[in-house]
Amino acid sequence: MVGASLALALPRLAGAWFGPGRDMEIALVVGRESDHATSQSSATLSPPGPRAIPFGAGGDFLGLDAAVSLPVARAMSIVVRFQDRIYLNQLPLIVGDRVVSDIVADGLREGLVNAPAADLVVRSTDAHRVSDQQHLARRLAVVSPEIPI
């Protein structure tokens, strides 16, 4: 996948909507995703079935990415992220033109119309664990001064 993104952090808006200590980011992404196969590897594949994605799951896309970081405890936060990649063959579908969408999909070898995704990440910043590691490093330095800290 190759692409570029333009992201905007919105901590003030996140604080107003979700409360203090929250953070929010939105991004616009443009890119190209492609599947690569050699002629030898594709020669061994069985014919595609009725539920197969033509041309694989790739093509040129525009994407929207929005994320919110919410602290839930002193050393823990949750990040919720929503994404959607809109492939170029979806643009004619916005105005209801299925024929043009199929022509664009065939010409650009795009098999997907869009690819939505959602992530839920729990992050822990265990301060006690860090201080225990620092304490252990100091003890090692006393035992063996040649080990750098």
N, C-alpha and C. Protein backbone atom coordinates (compact mmCIF):
# COMPACT_ATOMS: atom_id res chain seq x y z
N MET A 1 0.85 -1.16 0.00
CA MET A 1 0.00 0.00 0.00
C MET A 1 0.90 1.23 0.00
N VAL A 2 0.57 2.18 -0.84
CA VAL A 2 1.28 3.44 -0.92
C VAL A 2 0.25 4.55 -0.77
N GLY A 3 0.60 5.58 -0.02
CA GLY A 3 -0.36 6.65 0.14
C GLY A 3 0.20 7.83 0.90
N ALA A 4 -0.64 8.78 1.10
CA ALA A 4 -0.30 9.97 1.87
C ALA A 4 -1.53 10.37 2.69
N SER A 5 -1.26 11.03 3.80
CA SER A 5 -2.39 11.46 4.63
C SER A 5 -2.16 12.86 5.14
N LEU A 6 -3.25 13.52 5.42
CA LEU A 6 -3.26 14.83 6.04
C LEU A 6 -4.10 14.70 7.29
N ALA A 7 -3.47 14.85 8.45
CA ALA A 7 -4.16 14.63 9.71
C ALA A 7 -4.26 15.93 10.50
N LEU A 8 -5.32 16.03 11.27
CA LEU A 8 -5.57 17.20 12.08
C LEU A 8 -5.92 16.74 13.50
N ALA A 9 -5.11 17.17 14.47
CA ALA A 9 -5.38 16.85 15.87
C ALA A 9 -6.33 17.91 16.43
N LEU A 10 -7.33 17.47 17.17
CA LEU A 10 -8.36 18.38 17.69
C LEU A 10 -8.52 18.21 19.21
N PRO A 11 -7.48 18.53 19.99
CA PRO A 11 -7.60 18.30 21.44
C PRO A 11 -8.63 19.20 22.12
N ARG A 12 -8.78 20.44 21.67
CA ARG A 12 -9.77 21.34 22.29
C ARG A 12 -11.20 20.87 22.03
N LEU A 13 -11.45 20.47 20.79
CA LEU A 13 -12.78 19.96 20.45
C LEU A 13 -13.08 18.67 21.21
N ALA A 14 -12.07 17.79 21.31
CA ALA A 14 -12.26 16.55 22.08
C ALA A 14 -12.55 16.86 23.54
N GLY A 15 -11.84 17.84 24.09
CA GLY A 15 -12.09 18.23 25.49
C GLY A 15 -13.50 18.77 25.69
N ALA A 16 -13.98 19.55 24.70
CA ALA A 16 -15.33 20.10 24.80
C ALA A 16 -16.40 19.02 24.65
N TRP A 17 -16.18 18.07 23.74
CA TRP A 17 -17.18 17.02 23.49
C TRP A 17 -17.13 15.88 24.50
N PHE A 18 -15.91 15.46 24.88
CA PHE A 18 -15.76 14.24 25.69
C PHE A 18 -15.22 14.50 27.09
N GLY A 19 -14.78 15.71 27.39
CA GLY A 19 -14.26 16.03 28.70
C GLY A 19 -12.75 16.22 28.68
N PRO A 20 -12.20 16.74 29.78
CA PRO A 20 -10.76 17.02 29.83
C PRO A 20 -9.92 15.75 29.71
N GLY A 21 -8.73 15.91 29.13
CA GLY A 21 -7.81 14.78 28.99
C GLY A 21 -8.07 13.91 27.78
N ARG A 22 -9.08 14.25 27.00
CA ARG A 22 -9.40 13.46 25.81
C ARG A 22 -8.68 14.06 24.61
N ASP A 23 -8.51 13.25 23.56
CA ASP A 23 -7.88 13.73 22.34
C ASP A 23 -8.61 13.15 21.15
N MET A 24 -8.58 13.88 20.04
CA MET A 24 -9.27 13.43 18.83
C MET A 24 -8.42 13.81 17.62
N GLU A 25 -8.50 12.97 16.58
CA GLU A 25 -7.76 13.21 15.35
C GLU A 25 -8.61 12.77 14.17
N ILE A 26 -8.59 13.56 13.10
CA ILE A 26 -9.22 13.14 11.85
C ILE A 26 -8.16 13.23 10.76
N ALA A 27 -8.27 12.36 9.77
CA ALA A 27 -7.28 12.34 8.69
C ALA A 27 -7.96 12.01 7.37
N LEU A 28 -7.45 12.61 6.32
CA LEU A 28 -7.85 12.28 4.96
C LEU A 28 -6.67 11.53 4.34
N VAL A 29 -6.94 10.39 3.75
CA VAL A 29 -5.90 9.53 3.20
C VAL A 29 -6.17 9.31 1.72
N VAL A 30 -5.14 9.39 0.90
CA VAL A 30 -5.22 8.99 -0.51
C VAL A 30 -4.17 7.91 -0.71
N GLY A 31 -4.50 6.90 -1.51
CA GLY A 31 -3.52 5.84 -1.68
C GLY A 31 -3.87 4.85 -2.76
N ARG A 32 -3.00 3.89 -2.89
CA ARG A 32 -3.16 2.78 -3.83
C ARG A 32 -2.78 1.51 -3.10
N GLU A 33 -3.66 0.55 -3.17
CA GLU A 33 -3.43 -0.76 -2.57
C GLU A 33 -3.52 -1.79 -3.68
N SER A 34 -2.56 -2.69 -3.72
CA SER A 34 -2.60 -3.69 -4.79
C SER A 34 -2.12 -5.04 -4.29
N ASP A 35 -2.61 -6.07 -4.95
CA ASP A 35 -2.16 -7.43 -4.69
C ASP A 35 -1.20 -7.80 -5.81
N HIS A 36 -0.10 -8.42 -5.45
CA HIS A 36 0.89 -8.82 -6.46
C HIS A 36 1.01 -10.34 -6.47
N ALA A 37 1.10 -10.90 -7.65
CA ALA A 37 1.27 -12.35 -7.79
C ALA A 37 2.12 -12.62 -9.02
N THR A 38 2.94 -13.64 -8.93
CA THR A 38 3.72 -14.04 -10.09
C THR A 38 2.89 -14.99 -10.94
N SER A 39 3.28 -15.17 -12.17
CA SER A 39 2.51 -16.04 -13.05
C SER A 39 2.55 -17.49 -12.54
N GLN A 40 3.64 -17.89 -11.90
CA GLN A 40 3.72 -19.25 -11.37
C GLN A 40 2.76 -19.45 -10.21
N SER A 41 2.67 -18.45 -9.32
CA SER A 41 1.79 -18.63 -8.16
C SER A 41 0.32 -18.59 -8.57
N SER A 42 -0.04 -17.75 -9.56
CA SER A 42 -1.44 -17.67 -9.96
C SER A 42 -1.85 -18.86 -10.82
N ALA A 43 -0.89 -19.59 -11.40
CA ALA A 43 -1.22 -20.76 -12.22
C ALA A 43 -1.76 -21.90 -11.36
N THR A 44 -1.42 -21.91 -10.07
CA THR A 44 -1.85 -23.00 -9.21
C THR A 44 -3.17 -22.70 -8.49
N LEU A 45 -3.70 -21.49 -8.66
CA LEU A 45 -4.94 -21.14 -7.99
C LEU A 45 -6.13 -21.78 -8.69
N SER A 46 -7.12 -22.15 -7.89
CA SER A 46 -8.35 -22.66 -8.47
C SER A 46 -9.16 -21.50 -9.04
N PRO A 47 -10.09 -21.76 -9.96
CA PRO A 47 -10.90 -20.67 -10.52
C PRO A 47 -11.69 -19.96 -9.43
N PRO A 48 -11.92 -18.65 -9.58
CA PRO A 48 -12.65 -17.92 -8.54
C PRO A 48 -14.09 -18.40 -8.40
N GLY A 49 -14.56 -18.41 -7.17
CA GLY A 49 -15.93 -18.81 -6.89
C GLY A 49 -16.88 -17.64 -7.02
N PRO A 50 -18.16 -17.86 -6.78
CA PRO A 50 -19.15 -16.79 -6.92
C PRO A 50 -19.00 -15.67 -5.89
N ARG A 51 -18.32 -15.94 -4.78
CA ARG A 51 -18.15 -14.91 -3.74
C ARG A 51 -16.77 -14.27 -3.78
N ALA A 52 -15.97 -14.57 -4.81
CA ALA A 52 -14.62 -14.02 -4.93
C ALA A 52 -14.68 -12.53 -5.29
N ILE A 53 -13.68 -11.79 -4.85
CA ILE A 53 -13.58 -10.37 -5.19
C ILE A 53 -12.78 -10.26 -6.48
N PRO A 54 -13.37 -9.70 -7.55
CA PRO A 54 -12.62 -9.59 -8.80
C PRO A 54 -11.40 -8.69 -8.62
N PHE A 55 -10.31 -9.05 -9.23
CA PHE A 55 -9.04 -8.31 -9.18
C PHE A 55 -8.44 -8.27 -7.78
N GLY A 56 -8.96 -9.00 -6.84
CA GLY A 56 -8.47 -8.93 -5.47
C GLY A 56 -9.02 -7.70 -4.77
N ALA A 57 -8.46 -7.39 -3.64
CA ALA A 57 -8.97 -6.28 -2.84
C ALA A 57 -8.00 -5.11 -2.91
N GLY A 58 -8.00 -4.39 -4.00
CA GLY A 58 -7.08 -3.27 -4.12
C GLY A 58 -7.60 -2.21 -5.06
N GLY A 59 -6.81 -1.17 -5.23
CA GLY A 59 -7.14 -0.08 -6.14
C GLY A 59 -6.79 1.27 -5.55
N ASP A 60 -7.17 2.32 -6.25
CA ASP A 60 -6.94 3.69 -5.79
C ASP A 60 -8.09 4.09 -4.87
N PHE A 61 -7.76 4.77 -3.77
CA PHE A 61 -8.81 5.09 -2.81
C PHE A 61 -8.60 6.45 -2.15
N LEU A 62 -9.70 6.96 -1.64
CA LEU A 62 -9.72 8.09 -0.71
C LEU A 62 -10.21 7.51 0.61
N GLY A 63 -9.64 7.96 1.70
CA GLY A 63 -10.06 7.40 2.98
C GLY A 63 -10.27 8.47 4.02
N LEU A 64 -11.14 8.16 4.95
CA LEU A 64 -11.37 9.02 6.10
C LEU A 64 -11.06 8.19 7.34
N ASP A 65 -10.34 8.79 8.26
CA ASP A 65 -9.92 8.12 9.48
C ASP A 65 -10.22 9.06 10.64
N ALA A 66 -10.94 8.61 11.63
CA ALA A 66 -11.25 9.43 12.80
C ALA A 66 -10.98 8.60 14.06
N ALA A 67 -10.28 9.21 15.02
CA ALA A 67 -9.93 8.49 16.25
C ALA A 67 -10.15 9.39 17.46
N VAL A 68 -10.50 8.75 18.58
CA VAL A 68 -10.68 9.43 19.86
C VAL A 68 -9.94 8.63 20.92
N SER A 69 -9.16 9.32 21.74
CA SER A 69 -8.45 8.70 22.85
C SER A 69 -9.13 9.14 24.14
N LEU A 70 -9.55 8.15 24.94
CA LEU A 70 -10.30 8.41 26.17
C LEU A 70 -9.59 7.77 27.36
N PRO A 71 -9.09 8.56 28.30
CA PRO A 71 -8.50 7.95 29.50
C PRO A 71 -9.62 7.34 30.35
N VAL A 72 -9.40 6.12 30.83
CA VAL A 72 -10.42 5.45 31.64
C VAL A 72 -9.95 5.18 33.07
N ALA A 73 -8.65 5.27 33.29
CA ALA A 73 -8.07 5.09 34.62
C ALA A 73 -6.75 5.85 34.65
N ARG A 74 -6.12 5.86 35.82
CA ARG A 74 -4.87 6.62 35.95
C ARG A 74 -3.82 6.17 34.96
N ALA A 75 -3.71 4.89 34.69
CA ALA A 75 -2.67 4.38 33.81
C ALA A 75 -3.25 3.61 32.62
N MET A 76 -4.47 3.97 32.20
CA MET A 76 -5.10 3.24 31.10
C MET A 76 -5.95 4.17 30.25
N SER A 77 -5.89 3.95 28.92
CA SER A 77 -6.75 4.71 28.01
C SER A 77 -7.29 3.78 26.93
N ILE A 78 -8.38 4.22 26.34
CA ILE A 78 -9.00 3.48 25.23
C ILE A 78 -8.96 4.38 24.01
N VAL A 79 -8.56 3.81 22.87
CA VAL A 79 -8.57 4.52 21.60
C VAL A 79 -9.60 3.85 20.70
N VAL A 80 -10.55 4.65 20.21
CA VAL A 80 -11.58 4.17 19.29
C VAL A 80 -11.29 4.82 17.94
N ARG A 81 -11.16 4.00 16.89
CA ARG A 81 -10.81 4.51 15.56
C ARG A 81 -11.78 3.93 14.53
N PHE A 82 -12.32 4.81 13.69
CA PHE A 82 -13.18 4.41 12.57
C PHE A 82 -12.51 4.84 11.27
N GLN A 83 -12.55 3.96 10.28
CA GLN A 83 -11.92 4.23 8.99
C GLN A 83 -12.82 3.75 7.87
N ASP A 84 -12.69 4.38 6.72
CA ASP A 84 -13.36 3.88 5.53
C ASP A 84 -12.54 4.29 4.32
N ARG A 85 -12.19 3.31 3.51
CA ARG A 85 -11.51 3.59 2.24
C ARG A 85 -12.57 3.50 1.15
N ILE A 86 -12.69 4.57 0.37
CA ILE A 86 -13.65 4.62 -0.73
C ILE A 86 -12.85 4.51 -2.02
N TYR A 87 -13.03 3.42 -2.74
CA TYR A 87 -12.31 3.21 -3.99
C TYR A 87 -12.97 4.03 -5.10
N LEU A 88 -12.18 4.40 -6.11
CA LEU A 88 -12.66 5.32 -7.14
C LEU A 88 -13.88 4.81 -7.88
N ASN A 89 -14.07 3.49 -7.98
CA ASN A 89 -15.26 2.99 -8.68
C ASN A 89 -16.55 3.23 -7.89
N GLN A 90 -16.44 3.67 -6.63
CA GLN A 90 -17.64 3.98 -5.86
C GLN A 90 -18.20 5.36 -6.22
N LEU A 91 -17.35 6.25 -6.73
CA LEU A 91 -17.81 7.61 -7.02
C LEU A 91 -18.99 7.65 -7.98
N PRO A 92 -19.01 6.88 -9.11
CA PRO A 92 -20.20 6.88 -9.96
C PRO A 92 -21.44 6.31 -9.26
N LEU A 93 -21.23 5.43 -8.29
CA LEU A 93 -22.38 4.85 -7.57
C LEU A 93 -23.08 5.89 -6.72
N ILE A 94 -22.37 6.95 -6.33
CA ILE A 94 -22.98 8.00 -5.52
C ILE A 94 -24.16 8.62 -6.26
N VAL A 95 -24.03 8.72 -7.58
CA VAL A 95 -25.13 9.27 -8.39
C VAL A 95 -25.95 8.15 -9.05
N GLY A 96 -25.70 6.90 -8.62
CA GLY A 96 -26.53 5.79 -9.08
C GLY A 96 -26.15 5.19 -10.42
N ASP A 97 -24.93 5.41 -10.91
CA ASP A 97 -24.54 4.91 -12.22
C ASP A 97 -23.70 3.64 -12.08
N ARG A 98 -24.37 2.49 -12.03
CA ARG A 98 -23.71 1.20 -11.87
C ARG A 98 -22.84 0.85 -13.08
N VAL A 99 -23.30 1.18 -14.29
CA VAL A 99 -22.55 0.84 -15.51
C VAL A 99 -21.19 1.54 -15.51
N VAL A 100 -21.17 2.85 -15.23
CA VAL A 100 -19.90 3.58 -15.20
C VAL A 100 -19.02 3.06 -14.07
N SER A 101 -19.61 2.72 -12.93
CA SER A 101 -18.85 2.15 -11.83
C SER A 101 -18.16 0.86 -12.26
N ASP A 102 -18.87 0.00 -12.99
CA ASP A 102 -18.27 -1.25 -13.46
C ASP A 102 -17.15 -1.00 -14.47
N ILE A 103 -17.33 0.01 -15.34
CA ILE A 103 -16.29 0.35 -16.31
C ILE A 103 -15.04 0.86 -15.59
N VAL A 104 -15.23 1.72 -14.60
CA VAL A 104 -14.10 2.23 -13.81
C VAL A 104 -13.42 1.08 -13.07
N ALA A 105 -14.20 0.20 -12.46
CA ALA A 105 -13.64 -0.94 -11.74
C ALA A 105 -12.82 -1.83 -12.66
N ASP A 106 -13.33 -2.10 -13.86
CA ASP A 106 -12.59 -2.92 -14.81
C ASP A 106 -11.32 -2.21 -15.27
N GLY A 107 -11.42 -0.92 -15.58
CA GLY A 107 -10.27 -0.17 -16.07
C GLY A 107 -9.17 -0.02 -15.05
N LEU A 108 -9.54 0.18 -13.79
CA LEU A 108 -8.56 0.37 -12.73
C LEU A 108 -8.25 -0.93 -11.97
N ARG A 109 -8.91 -2.02 -12.37
CA ARG A 109 -8.74 -3.32 -11.72
C ARG A 109 -9.04 -3.23 -10.22
N GLU A 110 -10.18 -2.62 -9.91
CA GLU A 110 -10.61 -2.49 -8.52
C GLU A 110 -11.71 -3.49 -8.24
N GLY A 111 -11.54 -4.25 -7.18
CA GLY A 111 -12.53 -5.24 -6.83
C GLY A 111 -13.45 -4.81 -5.70
N LEU A 112 -13.02 -3.86 -4.90
CA LEU A 112 -13.83 -3.39 -3.79
C LEU A 112 -14.44 -2.04 -4.10
N VAL A 113 -15.56 -1.75 -3.48
CA VAL A 113 -16.18 -0.43 -3.58
C VAL A 113 -15.72 0.42 -2.40
N ASN A 114 -15.78 -0.15 -1.20
CA ASN A 114 -15.25 0.52 -0.02
C ASN A 114 -14.78 -0.53 0.98
N ALA A 115 -13.98 -0.07 1.95
CA ALA A 115 -13.44 -0.98 2.96
C ALA A 115 -13.51 -0.30 4.33
N PRO A 116 -14.64 -0.45 5.03
CA PRO A 116 -14.75 0.15 6.36
C PRO A 116 -14.00 -0.68 7.40
N ALA A 117 -13.59 -0.03 8.48
CA ALA A 117 -12.90 -0.73 9.56
C ALA A 117 -13.13 0.04 10.86
N ALA A 118 -13.00 -0.67 11.96
CA ALA A 118 -13.08 -0.05 13.29
C ALA A 118 -12.06 -0.74 14.19
N ASP A 119 -11.39 0.05 15.01
CA ASP A 119 -10.40 -0.47 15.96
C ASP A 119 -10.79 -0.03 17.37
N LEU A 120 -10.55 -0.91 18.31
CA LEU A 120 -10.68 -0.59 19.72
C LEU A 120 -9.38 -1.03 20.39
N VAL A 121 -8.63 -0.07 20.91
CA VAL A 121 -7.31 -0.35 21.48
C VAL A 121 -7.33 0.07 22.95
N VAL A 122 -6.85 -0.82 23.81
CA VAL A 122 -6.70 -0.50 25.23
C VAL A 122 -5.20 -0.36 25.49
N ARG A 123 -4.80 0.81 26.00
CA ARG A 123 -3.39 1.07 26.28
C ARG A 123 -3.18 1.21 27.78
N SER A 124 -2.12 0.57 28.24
CA SER A 124 -1.77 0.67 29.65
C SER A 124 -0.38 1.29 29.77
N THR A 125 -0.27 2.29 30.62
CA THR A 125 1.02 2.89 30.91
C THR A 125 1.30 2.60 32.38
N ASP A 126 1.83 1.43 32.62
CA ASP A 126 2.05 0.95 33.97
C ASP A 126 3.28 1.64 34.57
N ALA A 127 3.04 2.68 35.36
CA ALA A 127 4.14 3.45 35.94
C ALA A 127 4.94 2.63 36.94
N HIS A 128 4.29 1.71 37.66
CA HIS A 128 5.00 0.89 38.64
C HIS A 128 6.01 -0.01 37.95
N ARG A 129 5.64 -0.55 36.81
CA ARG A 129 6.54 -1.44 36.08
C ARG A 129 7.79 -0.69 35.62
N VAL A 130 7.62 0.53 35.15
CA VAL A 130 8.77 1.33 34.71
C VAL A 130 9.69 1.61 35.89
N SER A 131 9.13 2.01 37.03
CA SER A 131 9.99 2.31 38.18
C SER A 131 10.68 1.04 38.68
N ASP A 132 10.04 -0.13 38.61
CA ASP A 132 10.69 -1.38 38.99
C ASP A 132 11.86 -1.68 38.07
N GLN A 133 11.71 -1.42 36.78
CA GLN A 133 12.81 -1.65 35.84
C GLN A 133 13.96 -0.69 36.12
N GLN A 134 13.66 0.56 36.46
CA GLN A 134 14.72 1.50 36.78
C GLN A 134 15.45 1.08 38.06
N HIS A 135 14.70 0.59 39.04
CA HIS A 135 15.31 0.12 40.29
C HIS A 135 16.23 -1.07 39.99
N LEU A 136 15.79 -2.00 39.15
CA LEU A 136 16.61 -3.15 38.78
C LEU A 136 17.86 -2.70 38.04
N ALA A 137 17.75 -1.72 37.17
CA ALA A 137 18.91 -1.22 36.43
C ALA A 137 19.93 -0.61 37.39
N ARG A 138 19.46 0.13 38.41
CA ARG A 138 20.38 0.71 39.39
C ARG A 138 21.10 -0.38 40.18
N ARG A 139 20.37 -1.44 40.53
CA ARG A 139 20.99 -2.55 41.28
C ARG A 139 22.03 -3.25 40.43
N LEU A 140 21.74 -3.43 39.12
CA LEU A 140 22.72 -4.04 38.23
C LEU A 140 23.96 -3.17 38.11
N ALA A 141 23.79 -1.87 38.10
CA ALA A 141 24.93 -0.95 37.98
C ALA A 141 25.84 -1.05 39.20
N VAL A 142 25.24 -1.30 40.38
CA VAL A 142 26.05 -1.46 41.58
C VAL A 142 26.81 -2.78 41.51
N VAL A 143 26.15 -3.85 41.05
CA VAL A 143 26.78 -5.17 40.98
C VAL A 143 27.83 -5.21 39.87
N SER A 144 27.50 -4.63 38.72
CA SER A 144 28.38 -4.69 37.56
C SER A 144 28.45 -3.29 36.92
N PRO A 145 29.38 -2.45 37.34
CA PRO A 145 29.42 -1.06 36.88
C PRO A 145 29.68 -0.90 35.37
N GLU A 146 30.17 -1.93 34.68
CA GLU A 146 30.45 -1.79 33.25
C GLU A 146 29.20 -1.86 32.39
N ILE A 147 28.06 -2.27 32.95
CA ILE A 147 26.80 -2.31 32.19
C ILE A 147 26.22 -0.90 32.16
N PRO A 148 26.04 -0.29 30.97
CA PRO A 148 25.49 1.06 30.93
C PRO A 148 24.01 1.07 31.30
N ILE A 149 23.58 2.14 31.92
CA ILE A 149 22.18 2.28 32.32
C ILE A 149 21.45 3.06 31.25
